[in-house]
C-alpha cells in the first residue's frame, strides 16, 4: 500500500508538471478566460487524482479576503475548483522566479511578494486593490508555509495589514484532508475527501483584536474537526 501511494505521488507530480505548463500557455492565449481555464483544470485534477470536495458553511458574497490554513498543493486546487469568484492568490516570489513555472503567477495576474523586501507590502496593497476593483477575491495563507495539518502555524502579519489598510471583509476557512490526498514533501497520494469549512466573515474595524481571535477560532475549529474525524474511524 505504501508503494502504491508513492507511485501515485510520483504520477501526480509528473501530471502536475505537464498540465500546469499547458494551462500557462492557454492562459496567455486566452487572456480573458484565465478563471475558466484554471477552474476547468482544477476540476480535472479532482478526477485524475480521485478526490472529492465537501463544503460546510457558505461563502460570503461581500468577502474580499479569503484566509486559509495551508497543508498541501491541493489546497489551491480545491478552491480553484469550487470557489464562485475569481481568486487572486498571494504567493511567495520564489514561485514566480521558477523558470517556466513562474508564469503560473504572471499569466493569471496573481501577486508575488518578496518577504525579504519591506517595500513588497506596498506593492501588495496597491495590486490587491486593483484586483479587488476587477471583481476578484484575494486569497492568502497567513501561515506563510505548509504545515502538517494538525495545528495552525503562527500567522504572519501580511493578511492583517492588508485587511485593515484596504478595509476588507475577511472570511476565514479551514481545509482538512488535503495533505492526505497529496503530500508533496513525502510524495504520497491517496484517494480521499477534502473538506472545506467556511467560518463567519469578519469586519476588522469592529474589533482591534480580530486577527488574534480569528487565529484562535480557526485553530479551535481545526482541532474539533480532527477529533471528530479520529473518533469516527
Protein backbone atom coordinates (compact mmCIF):
# COMPACT_ATOMS: atom_id res chain seq x y z
CA UNK A 1 0.00 0.00 0.00
CA UNK A 2 2.87 2.35 0.82
CA UNK A 3 4.49 1.58 -2.52
CA UNK A 4 1.23 2.32 -4.31
CA UNK A 5 0.90 5.71 -2.61
CA UNK A 6 4.47 6.56 -3.66
CA UNK A 7 3.76 5.57 -7.25
CA UNK A 8 0.66 7.72 -7.21
CA UNK A 9 2.66 10.58 -5.71
CA UNK A 10 5.24 10.43 -8.50
CA UNK A 11 2.48 10.20 -11.09
CA UNK A 12 0.82 13.27 -9.56
CA UNK A 13 3.99 15.33 -9.76
CA UNK A 14 4.53 14.40 -13.42
CA UNK A 15 0.90 15.06 -14.25
CA UNK A 16 1.07 18.44 -12.47
CA UNK A 17 4.17 19.49 -14.40
CA UNK A 18 2.65 18.64 -17.77
CA UNK A 19 -0.82 20.10 -17.17
CA UNK A 20 0.39 23.28 -15.46
CA UNK A 21 2.60 24.09 -18.45
CA UNK A 22 -0.37 23.57 -20.76
CA UNK A 23 -2.56 25.78 -18.56
CA UNK A 24 0.05 28.56 -18.61
CA UNK A 25 0.13 28.54 -22.41
CA UNK A 26 -3.68 28.57 -22.59
CA UNK A 27 -3.94 31.49 -20.17
CA UNK A 28 -1.56 33.56 -22.28
CA UNK A 29 -3.51 32.75 -25.43
CA UNK A 30 -6.95 33.33 -23.91
CA UNK A 31 -6.23 36.22 -21.55
CA UNK A 32 -9.90 36.93 -20.85
CA UNK A 33 -10.64 33.35 -19.80
CA UNK A 34 -7.95 32.62 -17.22
CA UNK A 35 -10.50 31.98 -14.46
CA UNK A 36 -12.42 29.41 -16.52
CA UNK A 37 -9.21 27.74 -17.64
CA UNK A 38 -7.99 27.38 -14.06
CA UNK A 39 -11.36 26.16 -12.86
CA UNK A 40 -11.55 23.53 -15.61
CA UNK A 41 -8.00 22.40 -14.82
CA UNK A 42 -8.78 22.13 -11.09
CA UNK A 43 -11.88 20.03 -11.72
CA UNK A 44 -9.82 17.81 -14.00
CA UNK A 45 -7.35 17.34 -11.13
CA UNK A 46 -10.20 16.15 -8.91
CA UNK A 47 -11.00 13.47 -11.50
CA UNK A 48 -7.40 12.44 -12.19
CA UNK A 49 -6.44 12.31 -8.51
CA UNK A 50 -9.74 10.76 -7.43
CA UNK A 51 -10.65 13.11 -4.61
CA UNK A 52 -13.92 14.77 -3.70
CA UNK A 53 -14.70 18.09 -2.01
CA UNK A 54 -17.26 18.63 0.74
CA UNK A 55 -18.17 22.20 1.70
CA UNK A 56 -19.55 23.13 5.11
CA UNK A 57 -20.99 26.59 5.55
CA UNK A 58 -21.26 29.21 2.83
CA UNK A 59 -19.08 31.71 1.06
CA UNK A 60 -19.79 35.34 1.84
CA UNK A 61 -20.59 37.33 -1.30
CA UNK A 62 -19.14 40.52 0.17
CA UNK A 63 -15.83 38.98 1.31
CA UNK A 64 -12.76 40.40 -0.42
CA UNK A 65 -10.12 38.44 1.51
CA UNK A 66 -10.12 34.68 1.95
CA UNK A 67 -7.83 33.44 4.74
CA UNK A 68 -6.90 29.74 4.76
CA UNK A 69 -4.75 27.21 6.55
CA UNK A 70 -2.14 25.56 4.32
CA UNK A 71 -1.08 21.93 4.19
CA UNK A 72 -0.82 20.85 0.55
CA UNK A 73 -0.78 21.93 -3.09
CA UNK A 74 -4.30 20.54 -3.15
CA UNK A 75 -5.48 23.49 -1.05
CA UNK A 76 -5.23 25.75 -4.10
CA UNK A 77 -6.62 23.12 -6.47
CA UNK A 78 -9.69 22.62 -4.26
CA UNK A 79 -10.55 26.30 -4.05
CA UNK A 80 -9.91 26.90 -7.74
CA UNK A 81 -12.39 24.11 -8.46
CA UNK A 82 -15.26 25.25 -6.25
CA UNK A 83 -14.96 28.93 -5.29
CA UNK A 84 -17.64 31.00 -7.07
CA UNK A 85 -15.40 34.00 -7.80
CA UNK A 86 -12.05 34.57 -9.50
CA UNK A 87 -9.40 34.20 -6.81
CA UNK A 88 -6.16 36.17 -6.76
CA UNK A 89 -3.58 34.23 -4.77
CA UNK A 90 -0.80 35.87 -2.78
CA UNK A 91 2.35 33.81 -3.41
CA UNK A 92 6.00 33.84 -2.45
CA UNK A 93 8.28 35.49 -5.01
CA UNK A 94 10.31 32.26 -5.07
CA UNK A 95 7.46 30.65 -7.02
CA UNK A 96 7.46 33.45 -9.58
CA UNK A 97 11.22 33.01 -10.02
CA UNK A 98 10.97 29.34 -11.07
CA UNK A 99 11.81 29.07 -14.80
CA UNK A 100 8.70 28.48 -16.93
CA UNK A 101 6.51 27.55 -13.96
CA UNK A 102 6.79 31.04 -12.52
CA UNK A 103 4.35 32.13 -15.20
CA UNK A 104 1.60 30.46 -13.16
CA UNK A 105 1.79 33.74 -11.19
CA UNK A 106 2.11 36.12 -14.13
CA UNK A 107 -0.38 34.66 -16.61
CA UNK A 108 -3.48 34.85 -14.35
CA UNK A 109 -2.29 38.09 -12.70
CA UNK A 110 -1.65 36.70 -9.22
CA UNK A 111 0.50 38.60 -6.71
CA UNK A 112 4.04 37.61 -5.74
CA UNK A 113 5.67 39.15 -2.66
CA UNK A 114 9.27 39.21 -1.54
CA UNK A 115 9.17 38.69 2.22
CA UNK A 116 12.75 39.98 2.50
CA UNK A 117 11.86 43.33 0.94
CA UNK A 118 9.83 45.68 3.15
CA UNK A 119 8.69 47.59 0.06
CA UNK A 120 6.89 44.47 -1.12
CA UNK A 121 3.98 45.13 1.25
CA UNK A 122 3.34 48.45 -0.53
CA UNK A 123 3.18 46.65 -3.87
CA UNK A 124 0.90 44.01 -2.37
CA UNK A 125 -1.55 46.64 -1.13
CA UNK A 126 -1.60 48.52 -4.43
CA UNK A 127 -2.04 45.48 -6.66
CA UNK A 128 -4.54 43.84 -4.29
CA UNK A 129 -6.77 46.90 -4.51
CA UNK A 130 -6.53 46.73 -8.31
CA UNK A 131 -7.58 43.08 -8.30
CA UNK A 132 -10.50 43.79 -5.94
CA UNK A 133 -11.63 46.58 -8.28
CA UNK A 134 -11.65 43.96 -11.05
CA UNK A 135 -14.09 41.88 -9.01
CA UNK A 136 -11.61 39.31 -7.72
CA UNK A 137 -11.18 37.96 -4.19
CA UNK A 138 -7.73 37.91 -2.60
CA UNK A 139 -6.68 34.53 -1.14
CA UNK A 140 -3.88 34.13 1.40
CA UNK A 141 -2.21 31.54 3.58
CA UNK A 142 -1.18 33.66 6.60
CA UNK A 143 0.93 30.80 7.97
CA UNK A 144 3.35 31.56 5.13
CA UNK A 145 4.23 27.92 4.52
CA UNK A 146 2.67 24.45 4.60
CA UNK A 147 2.01 22.89 7.99
CA UNK A 148 1.44 19.24 8.89
CA UNK A 149 -2.33 19.66 9.10
CA UNK A 150 -2.60 19.02 12.85
CA UNK A 151 -2.44 22.61 14.06
CA UNK A 152 -2.09 26.13 12.71
CA UNK A 153 1.34 27.68 12.44
CA UNK A 154 1.83 31.23 13.65
CA UNK A 155 0.15 33.78 11.37
CA UNK A 156 2.35 36.31 9.62
CA UNK A 157 1.25 39.96 9.66
CA UNK A 158 0.59 40.45 5.92
CA UNK A 159 -3.09 39.50 5.96
CA UNK A 160 -3.76 41.74 8.98
CA UNK A 161 -2.08 44.75 7.41
CA UNK A 162 -3.86 44.30 4.10
CA UNK A 163 -7.30 43.76 5.60
CA UNK A 164 -7.04 46.86 7.77
CA UNK A 165 -5.43 49.15 5.19
CA UNK A 166 -7.88 48.21 2.42
CA UNK A 167 -10.93 47.96 4.70
CA UNK A 168 -11.63 44.39 3.57
CA UNK A 169 -14.25 41.91 4.69
CA UNK A 170 -12.39 38.76 5.71
CA UNK A 171 -13.71 35.23 5.50
CA UNK A 172 -11.62 32.52 7.17
CA UNK A 173 -11.89 28.91 6.02
CA UNK A 174 -10.46 25.61 7.22
CA UNK A 175 -9.15 22.93 4.87
CA UNK A 176 -8.93 19.31 6.02
CA UNK A 177 -7.73 16.17 4.24
CA UNK A 178 -5.67 17.86 1.53
CA UNK A 179 -2.35 16.61 2.88
CA UNK A 180 -3.66 13.03 2.84
CA UNK A 181 -4.79 13.37 -0.77
CA UNK A 182 -1.37 14.66 -1.80
CA UNK A 183 1.68 15.12 0.41
CA UNK A 184 4.22 16.80 -1.89
CA UNK A 185 7.01 16.63 0.70
CA UNK A 186 6.84 12.85 1.06
CA UNK A 187 5.43 12.18 -2.42
CA UNK A 188 2.39 10.30 -1.12
CA UNK A 189 -1.01 10.41 -2.82
CA UNK A 190 -4.33 8.73 -1.97
CA UNK A 191 -7.98 8.77 -2.90
CA UNK A 192 -9.88 10.84 -0.36
CA UNK A 193 -12.09 13.70 0.63
CA UNK A 194 -11.10 17.33 1.09
CA UNK A 195 -13.35 19.21 3.48
CA UNK A 196 -13.68 22.97 3.37
CA UNK A 197 -15.32 24.73 6.31
CA UNK A 198 -16.29 28.37 5.92
CA UNK A 199 -16.37 30.42 9.11
CA UNK A 200 -18.27 33.64 9.69
CA UNK A 201 -16.99 36.76 7.90
CA UNK A 202 -15.05 39.33 9.91
CA UNK A 203 -15.06 43.12 9.73
CA UNK A 204 -11.66 44.19 11.13
CA UNK A 205 -12.86 47.68 12.05
CA UNK A 206 -15.29 46.22 14.58
CA UNK A 207 -12.63 44.63 16.82
CA UNK A 208 -8.98 45.58 17.30
CA UNK A 209 -8.18 42.01 18.36
CA UNK A 210 -9.83 40.45 15.31
CA UNK A 211 -6.65 38.86 13.94
CA UNK A 212 -5.75 37.02 17.13
CA UNK A 213 -9.36 35.95 17.64
CA UNK A 214 -9.56 34.70 14.06
CA UNK A 215 -6.44 32.60 14.55
CA UNK A 216 -7.85 31.11 17.75
CA UNK A 217 -11.25 30.32 16.22
CA UNK A 218 -9.66 28.71 13.17
CA UNK A 219 -7.33 26.59 15.27
CA UNK A 220 -10.13 25.56 17.64
CA UNK A 221 -12.35 24.51 14.74
CA UNK A 222 -9.47 22.60 13.19
CA UNK A 223 -8.91 20.67 16.43
CA UNK A 224 -12.64 19.87 16.75
CA UNK A 225 -12.82 18.58 13.19
CA UNK A 226 -9.67 16.48 13.60
CA UNK A 227 -11.01 14.99 16.84
CA UNK A 228 -14.33 14.14 15.18
CA UNK A 229 -12.51 12.53 12.28
CA UNK A 230 -10.43 10.37 14.62
CA UNK A 231 -13.45 9.27 16.67
CA UNK A 232 -15.36 8.23 13.52
CA UNK A 233 -12.62 5.95 12.24
